[in-house]
Amino acid sequence: MKNMQEVRIIELFAGVGGFRVGLERADKDFYKTVWANQWEPATKIQHAAMVYEARFGKGSVCNLDINTVQTEDIPDHDMLVGGFPCQDYSVATTLSNSKGIEGKKGVLWWEIYRILNEKTNKPKILFFENVDRLIQSPSTQRGRDFAIILSSLNKLGYFVEWRVIN
């Protein structure tokens, strides 16, 4: 991958920086994280953002609710990565109680969509992760949420490839 242009990355729902660590370990000269966001609602102490900043330096993470971040304040980037919150899809709750894309955190998918839709220079590459139960959500309309996500990305002009990895 040497002698190629670097890939500028933004990391949404960054947690402690898992995507960044993985990509930089693959090639730290090629992958450059230019902006990251981590915010945990209803938490006074933002532990994940604190760990992120301790690992990657002061000012390395935007610790604001993504709902309040204006798209124009997010730098242009080549790749958007994110592990949007899984609580509304996870086996941590029963399938019948999971709220999916309409749940308190499941709706955060729409913040990714908003950013992609509003960005003039859209990233060429998207890389997301979530729990495997996302493809079954919600229990009353199995697969609807994943179909909505795939359709939304298609409407934005993205070709989607996905896998369930154990």
C-alpha atoms as a PDB file:
ATOM      1  CA  MET A   1       0.000   0.000   0.000  1.00  0.00           C
ATOM      2  CA  LYS A   2       3.007   2.299   0.064  1.00  0.00           C
ATOM      3  CA  ASN A   3       3.211   5.123  -2.480  1.00  0.00           C
ATOM      4  CA  MET A   4      -0.563   5.495  -2.396  1.00  0.00           C
ATOM      5  CA  GLN A   5      -2.475   8.524  -1.198  1.00  0.00           C
ATOM      6  CA  GLU A   6      -3.418   8.359   2.462  1.00  0.00           C
ATOM      7  CA  VAL A   7      -7.007   7.520   3.412  1.00  0.00           C
ATOM      8  CA  ARG A   8      -8.607  10.160   5.642  1.00  0.00           C
ATOM      9  CA  ILE A   9     -10.987   8.593   8.145  1.00  0.00           C
ATOM     10  CA  ILE A  10     -13.704   9.787  10.472  1.00  0.00           C
ATOM     11  CA  GLU A  11     -14.737   7.463  13.263  1.00  0.00           C
ATOM     12  CA  LEU A  12     -18.316   7.705  14.573  1.00  0.00           C
ATOM     13  CA  PHE A  13     -19.447   6.100  17.831  1.00  0.00           C
ATOM     14  CA  ALA A  14     -15.719   5.641  18.331  1.00  0.00           C
ATOM     15  CA  GLY A  15     -15.766   4.082  21.779  1.00  0.00           C
ATOM     16  CA  VAL A  16     -12.129   3.768  22.813  1.00  0.00           C
ATOM     17  CA  GLY A  17     -10.907   3.761  19.206  1.00  0.00           C
ATOM     18  CA  GLY A  18     -11.151   0.162  18.017  1.00  0.00           C
ATOM     19  CA  PHE A  19     -11.438   1.002  14.331  1.00  0.00           C
ATOM     20  CA  ARG A  20      -8.568   3.471  14.584  1.00  0.00           C
ATOM     21  CA  VAL A  21      -6.296   1.002  16.341  1.00  0.00           C
ATOM     22  CA  GLY A  22      -7.018  -1.715  13.782  1.00  0.00           C
ATOM     23  CA  LEU A  23      -6.535   0.495  10.745  1.00  0.00           C
ATOM     24  CA  GLU A  24      -3.398   2.159  12.077  1.00  0.00           C
ATOM     25  CA  ARG A  25      -1.908  -1.221  12.942  1.00  0.00           C
ATOM     26  CA  ALA A  26      -2.611  -2.290   9.361  1.00  0.00           C
ATOM     27  CA  ASP A  27      -0.737   0.761   8.011  1.00  0.00           C
ATOM     28  CA  LYS A  28      -0.285   3.910  10.097  1.00  0.00           C
ATOM     29  CA  ASP A  29       1.099   5.885   7.146  1.00  0.00           C
ATOM     30  CA  PHE A  30      -1.880   5.016   4.927  1.00  0.00           C
ATOM     31  CA  TYR A  31      -4.825   5.376   7.336  1.00  0.00           C
ATOM     32  CA  LYS A  32      -5.170   8.782   9.026  1.00  0.00           C
ATOM     33  CA  THR A  33      -8.042   9.474  11.396  1.00  0.00           C
ATOM     34  CA  VAL A  34      -8.932  13.136  10.883  1.00  0.00           C
ATOM     35  CA  TRP A  35     -11.939  13.310  13.223  1.00  0.00           C
ATOM     36  CA  ALA A  36     -13.672  11.086  15.755  1.00  0.00           C
ATOM     37  CA  ASN A  37     -16.838  11.370  17.804  1.00  0.00           C
ATOM     38  CA  GLN A  38     -17.736   9.602  21.020  1.00  0.00           C
ATOM     39  CA  TRP A  39     -20.621  10.583  23.298  1.00  0.00           C
ATOM     40  CA  GLU A  40     -22.489   8.443  25.771  1.00  0.00           C
ATOM     41  CA  PRO A  41     -25.857   9.980  26.653  1.00  0.00           C
ATOM     42  CA  ALA A  42     -26.998  10.045  30.271  1.00  0.00           C
ATOM     43  CA  THR A  43     -23.442   9.531  31.499  1.00  0.00           C
ATOM     44  CA  LYS A  44     -21.813  12.256  33.574  1.00  0.00           C
ATOM     45  CA  ILE A  45     -18.285  10.951  33.104  1.00  0.00           C
ATOM     46  CA  GLN A  46     -17.452  10.160  29.487  1.00  0.00           C
ATOM     47  CA  HIS A  47     -15.113   7.223  30.146  1.00  0.00           C
ATOM     48  CA  ALA A  48     -14.745   6.009  26.540  1.00  0.00           C
ATOM     49  CA  ALA A  49     -13.942   9.505  25.258  1.00  0.00           C
ATOM     50  CA  MET A  50     -11.426   9.925  28.077  1.00  0.00           C
ATOM     51  CA  VAL A  51      -9.690   6.674  27.112  1.00  0.00           C
ATOM     52  CA  TYR A  52      -9.712   7.706  23.438  1.00  0.00           C
ATOM     53  CA  GLU A  53      -8.101  11.037  24.239  1.00  0.00           C
ATOM     54  CA  ALA A  54      -5.552   9.453  26.589  1.00  0.00           C
ATOM     55  CA  ARG A  55      -4.552   7.021  23.834  1.00  0.00           C
ATOM     56  CA  PHE A  56      -4.547   9.381  20.825  1.00  0.00           C
ATOM     57  CA  GLY A  57      -3.889  12.803  22.344  1.00  0.00           C
ATOM     58  CA  LYS A  58      -5.703  15.863  23.582  1.00  0.00           C
ATOM     59  CA  GLY A  59      -8.375  17.026  21.158  1.00  0.00           C
ATOM     60  CA  SER A  60      -8.397  13.729  19.235  1.00  0.00           C
ATOM     61  CA  VAL A  61     -12.099  13.114  19.864  1.00  0.00           C
ATOM     62  CA  CYS A  62     -15.188  15.306  19.665  1.00  0.00           C
ATOM     63  CA  ASN A  63     -17.110  14.549  22.857  1.00  0.00           C
ATOM     64  CA  LEU A  64     -20.463  16.015  21.787  1.00  0.00           C
ATOM     65  CA  ASP A  65     -23.828  14.404  21.097  1.00  0.00           C
ATOM     66  CA  ILE A  66     -23.668  13.530  17.370  1.00  0.00           C
ATOM     67  CA  ASN A  67     -27.215  14.911  17.017  1.00  0.00           C
ATOM     68  CA  THR A  68     -25.816  18.387  17.739  1.00  0.00           C
ATOM     69  CA  VAL A  69     -22.775  18.204  15.452  1.00  0.00           C
ATOM     70  CA  GLN A  70     -23.250  20.096  12.203  1.00  0.00           C
ATOM     71  CA  THR A  71     -22.202  18.178   9.082  1.00  0.00           C
ATOM     72  CA  GLU A  72     -20.110  21.111   7.876  1.00  0.00           C
ATOM     73  CA  ASP A  73     -18.038  20.837  11.088  1.00  0.00           C
ATOM     74  CA  ILE A  74     -16.976  17.305  10.137  1.00  0.00           C
ATOM     75  CA  PRO A  75     -13.869  17.353   7.933  1.00  0.00           C
ATOM     76  CA  ASP A  76     -13.946  15.852   4.457  1.00  0.00           C
ATOM     77  CA  HIS A  77     -12.881  12.240   4.543  1.00  0.00           C
ATOM     78  CA  ASP A  78     -12.383   9.214   2.306  1.00  0.00           C
ATOM     79  CA  MET A  79     -13.698   6.585   4.715  1.00  0.00           C
ATOM     80  CA  LEU A  80     -16.382   6.692   7.401  1.00  0.00           C
ATOM     81  CA  VAL A  81     -16.174   3.972  10.046  1.00  0.00           C
ATOM     82  CA  GLY A  82     -18.469   3.335  12.955  1.00  0.00           C
ATOM     83  CA  GLY A  83     -19.929   0.874  15.336  1.00  0.00           C
ATOM     84  CA  PHE A  84     -23.317   2.492  15.801  1.00  0.00           C
ATOM     85  CA  PRO A  85     -24.859   1.514  19.146  1.00  0.00           C
ATOM     86  CA  CYS A  86     -26.162  -2.042  19.270  1.00  0.00           C
ATOM     87  CA  GLN A  87     -28.213  -2.053  22.466  1.00  0.00           C
ATOM     88  CA  ASP A  88     -31.496  -2.005  20.569  1.00  0.00           C
ATOM     89  CA  TYR A  89     -30.438  -5.072  18.535  1.00  0.00           C
ATOM     90  CA  SER A  90     -28.333  -6.973  21.058  1.00  0.00           C
ATOM     91  CA  VAL A  91     -29.032 -10.300  22.740  1.00  0.00           C
ATOM     92  CA  ALA A  92     -28.672  -8.308  25.974  1.00  0.00           C
ATOM     93  CA  THR A  93     -32.431  -7.834  25.667  1.00  0.00           C
ATOM     94  CA  THR A  94     -35.079 -10.242  24.473  1.00  0.00           C
ATOM     95  CA  LEU A  95     -35.906 -10.098  20.767  1.00  0.00           C
ATOM     96  CA  SER A  96     -39.505  -9.120  21.540  1.00  0.00           C
ATOM     97  CA  ASN A  97     -38.285  -6.191  23.704  1.00  0.00           C
ATOM     98  CA  SER A  98     -35.623  -4.939  21.310  1.00  0.00           C
ATOM     99  CA  LYS A  99     -36.579  -1.662  19.660  1.00  0.00           C
ATOM    100  CA  GLY A 100     -34.241  -1.876  16.676  1.00  0.00           C
ATOM    101  CA  ILE A 101     -33.862   1.165  14.456  1.00  0.00           C
ATOM    102  CA  GLU A 102     -36.654   2.904  16.372  1.00  0.00           C
ATOM    103  CA  GLY A 103     -35.026   2.406  19.774  1.00  0.00           C
ATOM    104  CA  LYS A 104     -33.297   5.029  21.893  1.00  0.00           C
ATOM    105  CA  LYS A 105     -29.873   4.173  20.475  1.00  0.00           C
ATOM    106  CA  GLY A 106     -30.959   2.337  17.327  1.00  0.00           C
ATOM    107  CA  VAL A 107     -32.105   5.660  15.861  1.00  0.00           C
ATOM    108  CA  LEU A 108     -28.476   6.782  15.801  1.00  0.00           C
ATOM    109  CA  TRP A 109     -28.171   5.000  12.450  1.00  0.00           C
ATOM    110  CA  TRP A 110     -29.998   8.050  11.069  1.00  0.00           C
ATOM    111  CA  GLU A 111     -27.144  10.314  12.191  1.00  0.00           C
ATOM    112  CA  ILE A 112     -24.807   8.343   9.930  1.00  0.00           C
ATOM    113  CA  TYR A 113     -27.329   8.698   7.139  1.00  0.00           C
ATOM    114  CA  ARG A 114     -27.701  12.446   7.809  1.00  0.00           C
ATOM    115  CA  ILE A 115     -23.956  13.010   7.592  1.00  0.00           C
ATOM    116  CA  LEU A 116     -23.637  10.960   4.400  1.00  0.00           C
ATOM    117  CA  ASN A 117     -26.645  12.666   2.842  1.00  0.00           C
ATOM    118  CA  GLU A 118     -25.525  16.201   3.717  1.00  0.00           C
ATOM    119  CA  LYS A 119     -21.833  15.827   2.895  1.00  0.00           C
ATOM    120  CA  THR A 120     -20.936  17.483  -0.420  1.00  0.00           C
ATOM    121  CA  ASN A 121     -17.798  15.341  -0.747  1.00  0.00           C
ATOM    122  CA  LYS A 122     -19.148  11.963   0.297  1.00  0.00           C
ATOM    123  CA  PRO A 123     -16.680   9.333   1.504  1.00  0.00           C
ATOM    124  CA  LYS A 124     -15.958   6.579  -1.007  1.00  0.00           C
ATOM    125  CA  ILE A 125     -15.743   3.855   1.641  1.00  0.00           C
ATOM    126  CA  LEU A 126     -18.009   3.025   4.585  1.00  0.00           C
ATOM    127  CA  PHE A 127     -17.085   0.407   7.165  1.00  0.00           C
ATOM    128  CA  PHE A 128     -19.615  -0.418   9.894  1.00  0.00           C
ATOM    129  CA  GLU A 129     -19.930  -3.098  12.519  1.00  0.00           C
ATOM    130  CA  ASN A 130     -22.843  -4.215  14.626  1.00  0.00           C
ATOM    131  CA  VAL A 131     -24.308  -7.325  16.225  1.00  0.00           C
ATOM    132  CA  ASP A 132     -25.670 -10.134  14.048  1.00  0.00           C
ATOM    133  CA  ARG A 133     -29.180  -9.685  15.419  1.00  0.00           C
ATOM    134  CA  LEU A 134     -29.408  -6.419  13.445  1.00  0.00           C
ATOM    135  CA  ILE A 135     -30.311  -8.523  10.384  1.00  0.00           C
ATOM    136  CA  GLN A 136     -33.312 -10.018  12.261  1.00  0.00           C
ATOM    137  CA  SER A 137     -34.666  -6.804  13.750  1.00  0.00           C
ATOM    138  CA  PRO A 138     -37.413  -6.082  14.687  1.00  0.00           C
ATOM    139  CA  SER A 139     -38.991  -9.300  15.891  1.00  0.00           C
ATOM    140  CA  THR A 140     -42.386  -8.406  14.414  1.00  0.00           C
ATOM    141  CA  GLN A 141     -40.965  -7.675  10.941  1.00  0.00           C
ATOM    142  CA  ARG A 142     -37.794  -9.720  10.770  1.00  0.00           C
ATOM    143  CA  GLY A 143     -35.113  -8.054   8.681  1.00  0.00           C
ATOM    144  CA  ARG A 144     -36.897  -4.730   8.215  1.00  0.00           C
ATOM    145  CA  ASP A 145     -34.246  -2.603   9.946  1.00  0.00           C
ATOM    146  CA  PHE A 146     -31.350  -4.061   7.976  1.00  0.00           C
ATOM    147  CA  ALA A 147     -33.361  -3.677   4.766  1.00  0.00           C
ATOM    148  CA  ILE A 148     -33.941  -0.006   5.623  1.00  0.00           C
ATOM    149  CA  ILE A 149     -30.217   0.519   6.200  1.00  0.00           C
ATOM    150  CA  LEU A 150     -29.290  -1.241   2.937  1.00  0.00           C
ATOM    151  CA  SER A 151     -31.928   0.701   0.995  1.00  0.00           C
ATOM    152  CA  SER A 152     -30.777   4.003   2.518  1.00  0.00           C
ATOM    153  CA  LEU A 153     -27.184   3.345   1.502  1.00  0.00           C
ATOM    154  CA  ASN A 154     -28.300   2.313  -1.975  1.00  0.00           C
ATOM    155  CA  LYS A 155     -30.233   5.575  -2.384  1.00  0.00           C
ATOM    156  CA  LEU A 156     -27.041   7.455  -1.513  1.00  0.00           C
ATOM    157  CA  GLY A 157     -25.234   5.589  -4.307  1.00  0.00           C
ATOM    158  CA  TYR A 158     -23.313   3.054  -2.219  1.00  0.00           C
ATOM    159  CA  PHE A 159     -22.772  -0.573  -3.193  1.00  0.00           C
ATOM    160  CA  VAL A 160     -23.067  -2.667  -0.029  1.00  0.00           C
ATOM    161  CA  GLU A 161     -21.313  -5.870   0.849  1.00  0.00           C
ATOM    162  CA  TRP A 162     -21.918  -7.427   4.265  1.00  0.00           C
ATOM    163  CA  ARG A 163     -20.886 -10.444   6.339  1.00  0.00           C
ATOM    164  CA  VAL A 164     -21.736 -12.070   9.639  1.00  0.00           C
ATOM    165  CA  ILE A 165     -18.464 -12.897  11.364  1.00  0.00           C
ATOM    166  CA  ASN A 166     -18.213 -15.161  14.377  1.00  0.00           C
END
